[in-house]
C-alpha cells in the first residue's frame, strides 16, 4: 500500500474511535467480581479481561488462546491473592514471563484469611484449607479498592483524578451496601443458612451469620453423613438450600427432596457484584427468617 494511503487509513481509524478507548489501560483479573471493582474505579480508562468468566468453574475451565492474549497484553494483573488458587498462580507466572514490566497487585494483602466452613460431620476430614472467596465480603472489597486505585494511578498518572473519583464513588456504594446488610441481618433469631459449596464464609463473618456446607473439600458427604445432615436440617426447619453452578448439586437435591426444601442458586462469581450481594443478602435473610 502507498505510504500516503496508509497514513490516511490510520488517520481515519483514529477519527473513528474515541481516544479513551485507544489509550485504555489493559487490565486482567481472575474473577468477574474483580472486574466490577476495577471498572467501577477505572471506567473507560481501563479495558478489563476476565480469566474465569461468569458461569465457569475455576476447577474445570481451560486457558483459551483469547485469555492467553489478554494475559500477554496486560499492564496490570489484579490477583485475588489467596495462596490456594493454583489457577491464579499459573496466570501470574505466565503474565510475568510474557511481560516483565507488568504490575501484579495482590488484593488479599493484609486480609485475615478464615478457615473453609464445613458441616460439623465433615470436620474430621478437613484439610486445614482457608476460604479463597474473599470478594464476597463488602469490607474486604472496600479495602481492595484502595490498592486498585493506587495501581491504576501508578501506570496511568494522567488518570489520577479520575481514579480517585471512581474510588470515592465505589466506597460510597459499598458503605451503603454494608449499612443495608447490617440492618437486614441485625435482628435475627436464626442465623444458619445451608449451601452446597462453602463460598459465603466472609459474608457470613461480616454479618454474624453461620454458613453450613454440605460438601467438604470438594467431595459430597458419605451416606451416613448425608443421613445425619437430613435429620439435622429437619430438626432446624431448613427450607432453602443455596447451590453454586459448577459444583455437584446431587446431595443438595437429595436433601431438598427429603426435607421439602427449595434449591436456589447463589452465584459468588456474578459480575454485577453490588447487585448480586444485595440480592444474595435478601435471599439469605428470607431463608433464615422463614
Protein backbone atom coordinates (compact mmCIF):
# COMPACT_ATOMS: atom_id res chain seq x y z
CA UNK A 1 0.00 0.00 0.00
CA UNK A 2 1.22 3.52 -0.82
CA UNK A 3 2.60 5.29 2.32
CA UNK A 4 0.24 8.23 1.78
CA UNK A 5 -2.78 5.94 1.56
CA UNK A 6 -1.59 4.04 4.65
CA UNK A 7 -1.24 7.27 6.64
CA UNK A 8 -4.73 8.36 5.60
CA UNK A 9 -6.14 4.97 6.62
CA UNK A 10 -4.53 5.20 10.05
CA UNK A 11 -5.82 8.75 10.47
CA UNK A 12 -9.32 7.61 9.57
CA UNK A 13 -9.18 4.88 12.19
CA UNK A 14 -8.09 7.37 14.84
CA UNK A 15 -11.03 9.61 13.98
CA UNK A 16 -13.47 6.69 14.13
CA UNK A 17 -12.55 5.53 17.63
CA UNK A 18 -12.52 7.59 20.83
CA UNK A 19 -9.09 8.34 22.25
CA UNK A 20 -10.21 6.96 25.63
CA UNK A 21 -10.71 3.53 24.07
CA UNK A 22 -7.42 3.61 22.16
CA UNK A 23 -5.48 4.61 25.30
CA UNK A 24 -7.33 2.40 27.80
CA UNK A 25 -5.07 0.56 30.22
CA UNK A 26 -5.27 -3.22 29.53
CA UNK A 27 -6.03 -4.92 32.84
CA UNK A 28 -6.55 -8.59 33.65
CA UNK A 29 -8.39 -10.00 36.68
CA UNK A 30 -9.03 -13.54 37.85
CA UNK A 31 -12.78 -13.49 38.57
CA UNK A 32 -15.79 -11.38 37.47
CA UNK A 33 -16.39 -9.52 40.77
CA UNK A 34 -12.88 -8.10 40.44
CA UNK A 35 -13.83 -6.77 37.01
CA UNK A 36 -16.74 -4.93 38.60
CA UNK A 37 -14.35 -3.36 41.11
CA UNK A 38 -11.75 -2.30 38.53
CA UNK A 39 -14.33 -0.96 36.07
CA UNK A 40 -16.10 0.98 38.84
CA UNK A 41 -12.84 2.78 39.58
CA UNK A 42 -11.30 2.92 36.12
CA UNK A 43 -14.32 3.48 33.90
CA UNK A 44 -13.40 4.00 30.24
CA UNK A 45 -9.73 4.41 31.10
CA UNK A 46 -9.38 0.64 31.59
CA UNK A 47 -10.06 -2.38 29.42
CA UNK A 48 -10.64 -5.39 31.66
CA UNK A 49 -10.21 -9.04 30.70
CA UNK A 50 -11.53 -11.78 33.00
CA UNK A 51 -9.84 -15.17 33.26
CA UNK A 52 -12.70 -17.07 34.98
CA UNK A 53 -15.85 -15.79 33.32
CA UNK A 54 -19.44 -15.89 34.69
CA UNK A 55 -20.90 -19.39 34.71
CA UNK A 56 -17.50 -21.11 34.62
CA UNK A 57 -15.93 -23.18 37.36
CA UNK A 58 -12.31 -22.48 38.33
CA UNK A 59 -11.89 -26.25 38.59
CA UNK A 60 -12.85 -27.12 35.01
CA UNK A 61 -12.08 -24.13 32.76
CA UNK A 62 -9.33 -24.18 30.14
CA UNK A 63 -6.90 -21.39 29.29
CA UNK A 64 -8.09 -20.39 25.81
CA UNK A 65 -5.99 -18.51 23.21
CA UNK A 66 -8.12 -15.40 23.85
CA UNK A 67 -7.31 -15.48 27.56
CA UNK A 68 -3.65 -16.07 26.78
CA UNK A 69 -3.62 -12.94 24.59
CA UNK A 70 -5.28 -10.93 27.37
CA UNK A 71 -2.59 -12.04 29.78
CA UNK A 72 0.16 -11.17 27.31
CA UNK A 73 -1.24 -7.67 26.78
CA UNK A 74 -1.96 -6.79 30.41
CA UNK A 75 -0.20 -3.85 32.04
CA UNK A 76 -1.77 -4.67 35.40
CA UNK A 77 -2.88 -8.02 36.80
CA UNK A 78 -5.13 -7.83 39.85
CA UNK A 79 -5.00 -11.18 41.58
CA UNK A 80 -7.34 -12.41 44.30
CA UNK A 81 -4.17 -13.29 46.15
CA UNK A 82 -5.32 -16.36 48.02
CA UNK A 83 -2.46 -18.90 48.34
CA UNK A 84 -4.64 -21.90 47.41
CA UNK A 85 -5.71 -20.60 43.99
CA UNK A 86 -3.43 -22.73 41.82
CA UNK A 87 -5.01 -21.49 38.58
CA UNK A 88 -4.16 -17.92 39.58
CA UNK A 89 -0.54 -18.78 40.27
CA UNK A 90 -0.35 -20.13 36.70
CA UNK A 91 -1.83 -16.91 35.36
CA UNK A 92 0.59 -14.75 37.30
CA UNK A 93 3.58 -16.83 36.22
CA UNK A 94 2.50 -16.61 32.59
CA UNK A 95 1.95 -12.86 32.64
CA UNK A 96 5.27 -12.23 34.37
CA UNK A 97 7.07 -14.40 31.83
CA UNK A 98 5.38 -12.58 28.95
CA UNK A 99 5.63 -9.03 30.30
CA UNK A 100 8.36 -8.33 32.81
CA UNK A 101 7.06 -4.79 33.24
CA UNK A 102 3.56 -5.93 34.23
CA UNK A 103 2.27 -4.72 37.59
CA UNK A 104 0.88 -7.61 39.67
CA UNK A 105 -1.34 -6.40 42.51
CA UNK A 106 -2.34 -8.67 45.40
CA UNK A 107 -5.86 -7.75 46.54
CA UNK A 108 -5.62 -10.10 49.55
CA UNK A 109 -2.76 -8.17 51.08
CA UNK A 110 -3.47 -7.65 54.78
CA UNK A 111 -6.66 -9.75 54.79
CA UNK A 112 -7.19 -12.19 57.67
CA UNK A 113 -7.96 -15.48 55.96
CA UNK A 114 -10.61 -17.69 57.51
CA UNK A 115 -10.96 -21.45 57.57
CA UNK A 116 -13.18 -23.01 54.94
CA UNK A 117 -16.55 -23.63 56.61
CA UNK A 118 -17.52 -27.28 56.81
CA UNK A 119 -20.53 -29.06 58.28
CA UNK A 120 -19.76 -30.48 61.71
CA UNK A 121 -19.98 -34.03 60.37
CA UNK A 122 -17.10 -33.28 58.00
CA UNK A 123 -14.64 -31.77 60.45
CA UNK A 124 -12.60 -34.94 60.79
CA UNK A 125 -11.93 -34.74 57.06
CA UNK A 126 -10.84 -31.10 56.92
CA UNK A 127 -7.50 -30.38 55.29
CA UNK A 128 -6.90 -27.05 57.00
CA UNK A 129 -7.92 -25.09 53.92
CA UNK A 130 -8.74 -21.41 54.06
CA UNK A 131 -11.57 -19.78 52.14
CA UNK A 132 -10.49 -18.16 48.84
CA UNK A 133 -13.80 -16.35 48.16
CA UNK A 134 -12.58 -13.02 49.56
CA UNK A 135 -14.65 -10.88 47.23
CA UNK A 136 -17.99 -11.83 48.84
CA UNK A 137 -17.10 -9.51 51.72
CA UNK A 138 -18.02 -5.84 51.13
CA UNK A 139 -15.46 -4.81 53.73
CA UNK A 140 -12.64 -6.70 52.03
CA UNK A 141 -13.62 -5.24 48.66
CA UNK A 142 -13.67 -1.74 50.11
CA UNK A 143 -10.10 -2.17 51.28
CA UNK A 144 -9.03 -3.73 47.97
CA UNK A 145 -10.40 -0.71 46.10
CA UNK A 146 -7.63 1.46 47.54
CA UNK A 147 -4.99 -0.81 46.02
CA UNK A 148 -6.78 -0.82 42.67
CA UNK A 149 -6.87 2.99 42.53
CA UNK A 150 -3.21 3.24 43.55
CA UNK A 151 -2.07 0.71 40.95
CA UNK A 152 -4.04 2.33 38.12
CA UNK A 153 -2.65 5.74 39.06
CA UNK A 154 0.86 4.32 39.01
CA UNK A 155 0.57 3.04 35.42
CA UNK A 156 -1.62 5.92 34.21
CA UNK A 157 -0.72 9.09 36.20
CA UNK A 158 -2.81 11.29 33.92
CA UNK A 159 -5.92 9.49 35.18
CA UNK A 160 -5.20 10.06 38.87
CA UNK A 161 -8.15 12.39 39.43
CA UNK A 162 -10.46 10.06 37.50
CA UNK A 163 -9.39 7.05 39.58
CA UNK A 164 -9.75 8.93 42.86
CA UNK A 165 -13.30 9.94 41.94
CA UNK A 166 -14.11 6.35 40.96
CA UNK A 167 -12.69 5.10 44.24
CA UNK A 168 -14.76 7.52 46.28
CA UNK A 169 -17.95 6.55 44.46
CA UNK A 170 -17.25 2.83 44.81
CA UNK A 171 -16.52 3.12 48.52
CA UNK A 172 -19.68 5.17 48.99
CA UNK A 173 -21.67 2.41 47.26
CA UNK A 174 -20.03 -0.24 49.45
CA UNK A 175 -20.74 1.75 52.62
CA UNK A 176 -24.40 1.94 51.62
CA UNK A 177 -24.47 -1.82 50.94
CA UNK A 178 -22.77 -2.52 54.27
CA UNK A 179 -25.38 -0.44 56.09
CA UNK A 180 -28.18 -2.29 54.27
CA UNK A 181 -26.78 -5.71 55.16
CA UNK A 182 -26.18 -4.78 58.79
CA UNK A 183 -29.79 -3.67 59.04
CA UNK A 184 -31.00 -6.74 57.15
CA UNK A 185 -29.23 -9.18 59.47
CA UNK A 186 -29.35 -7.12 62.64
CA UNK A 187 -32.38 -8.71 64.33
CA UNK A 188 -32.47 -12.43 63.59
CA UNK A 189 -33.07 -15.39 65.86
CA UNK A 190 -31.82 -17.96 63.31
CA UNK A 191 -28.51 -17.23 61.62
CA UNK A 192 -27.60 -20.52 59.91
CA UNK A 193 -28.03 -21.00 56.16
CA UNK A 194 -27.22 -24.09 54.10
CA UNK A 195 -25.06 -24.17 50.94
CA UNK A 196 -23.72 -26.96 48.78
CA UNK A 197 -20.29 -25.31 48.40
CA UNK A 198 -18.88 -23.07 51.17
CA UNK A 199 -18.37 -19.85 49.20
CA UNK A 200 -20.02 -17.35 51.54
CA UNK A 201 -17.88 -17.54 54.65
CA UNK A 202 -16.55 -13.97 54.57
CA UNK A 203 -20.04 -12.55 54.08
CA UNK A 204 -21.23 -14.66 57.00
CA UNK A 205 -18.33 -13.47 59.15
CA UNK A 206 -19.05 -9.81 58.37
CA UNK A 207 -22.67 -10.02 59.46
CA UNK A 208 -22.76 -12.61 62.23
CA UNK A 209 -24.21 -15.43 60.14
CA UNK A 210 -23.26 -19.12 60.04
CA UNK A 211 -22.77 -20.89 56.74
CA UNK A 212 -23.38 -24.66 56.83
CA UNK A 213 -21.84 -26.54 53.89
CA UNK A 214 -23.00 -29.88 52.52
CA UNK A 215 -19.74 -30.72 50.77
CA UNK A 216 -16.28 -30.82 52.32
CA UNK A 217 -13.01 -30.45 50.49
CA UNK A 218 -14.82 -30.68 47.16
CA UNK A 219 -16.47 -34.03 47.96
CA UNK A 220 -20.07 -34.94 48.68
CA UNK A 221 -20.95 -36.38 52.11
CA UNK A 222 -21.00 -40.12 52.69
CA UNK A 223 -24.41 -41.82 53.01
CA UNK A 224 -24.11 -41.76 56.81
CA UNK A 225 -23.14 -38.08 56.82
CA UNK A 226 -25.97 -37.32 54.43
CA UNK A 227 -28.49 -39.05 56.71
CA UNK A 228 -27.28 -37.06 59.73
CA UNK A 229 -27.43 -33.86 57.70
CA UNK A 230 -31.03 -34.57 56.70
CA UNK A 231 -32.05 -35.25 60.30
CA UNK A 232 -30.39 -32.04 61.49
CA UNK A 233 -31.97 -29.99 58.71
CA UNK A 234 -35.43 -31.36 59.58
CA UNK A 235 -34.94 -30.55 63.27
CA UNK A 236 -33.87 -27.00 62.44
CA UNK A 237 -36.61 -26.40 59.90
CA UNK A 238 -34.28 -25.64 57.00
CA UNK A 239 -36.36 -24.94 53.88
CA UNK A 240 -33.82 -23.36 51.48
CA UNK A 241 -30.53 -24.75 50.16
CA UNK A 242 -28.23 -22.50 48.16
CA UNK A 243 -26.22 -24.06 45.33
CA UNK A 244 -23.40 -22.79 43.15
CA UNK A 245 -23.18 -23.71 39.48
CA UNK A 246 -20.09 -25.69 38.58
CA UNK A 247 -20.27 -27.82 41.74
CA UNK A 248 -22.17 -31.02 42.35
CA UNK A 249 -25.82 -30.42 43.29
CA UNK A 250 -26.62 -34.11 43.81
CA UNK A 251 -26.52 -34.06 47.61
CA UNK A 252 -28.30 -30.71 47.78
CA UNK A 253 -31.13 -32.04 45.65
CA UNK A 254 -31.34 -35.24 47.73
CA UNK A 255 -31.55 -33.27 50.97
CA UNK A 256 -34.10 -30.86 49.48
CA UNK A 257 -36.39 -33.74 48.49
CA UNK A 258 -36.17 -35.29 51.94
CA UNK A 259 -36.90 -32.10 53.87
CA UNK A 260 -39.19 -30.46 51.29
CA UNK A 261 -36.80 -27.54 50.79
CA UNK A 262 -36.31 -25.18 47.84
CA UNK A 263 -32.99 -25.14 45.96
CA UNK A 264 -31.82 -21.65 44.96
CA UNK A 265 -28.76 -20.55 43.01
CA UNK A 266 -26.36 -18.20 44.78
CA UNK A 267 -23.50 -17.32 42.43
CA UNK A 268 -20.39 -15.82 44.06
CA UNK A 269 -18.89 -15.23 40.60
CA UNK A 270 -21.66 -12.96 39.24
CA UNK A 271 -20.10 -9.93 37.57
CA UNK A 272 -22.59 -7.32 38.80
CA UNK A 273 -21.08 -7.58 42.25
CA UNK A 274 -23.06 -4.89 44.05
CA UNK A 275 -26.45 -6.03 42.74
CA UNK A 276 -25.57 -9.68 43.36
CA UNK A 277 -24.62 -9.18 47.01
CA UNK A 278 -27.74 -7.14 47.60
CA UNK A 279 -29.89 -9.92 46.12
CA UNK A 280 -27.99 -12.70 47.93
CA UNK A 281 -28.34 -10.82 51.20
CA UNK A 282 -32.10 -10.58 50.74
CA UNK A 283 -32.32 -14.28 49.82
CA UNK A 284 -30.33 -15.37 52.88
CA UNK A 285 -32.45 -13.16 55.13
CA UNK A 286 -35.61 -14.72 53.72
CA UNK A 287 -34.17 -18.22 54.14
CA UNK A 288 -33.15 -17.84 57.78
CA UNK A 289 -36.18 -15.81 58.82
CA UNK A 290 -38.84 -18.09 57.31
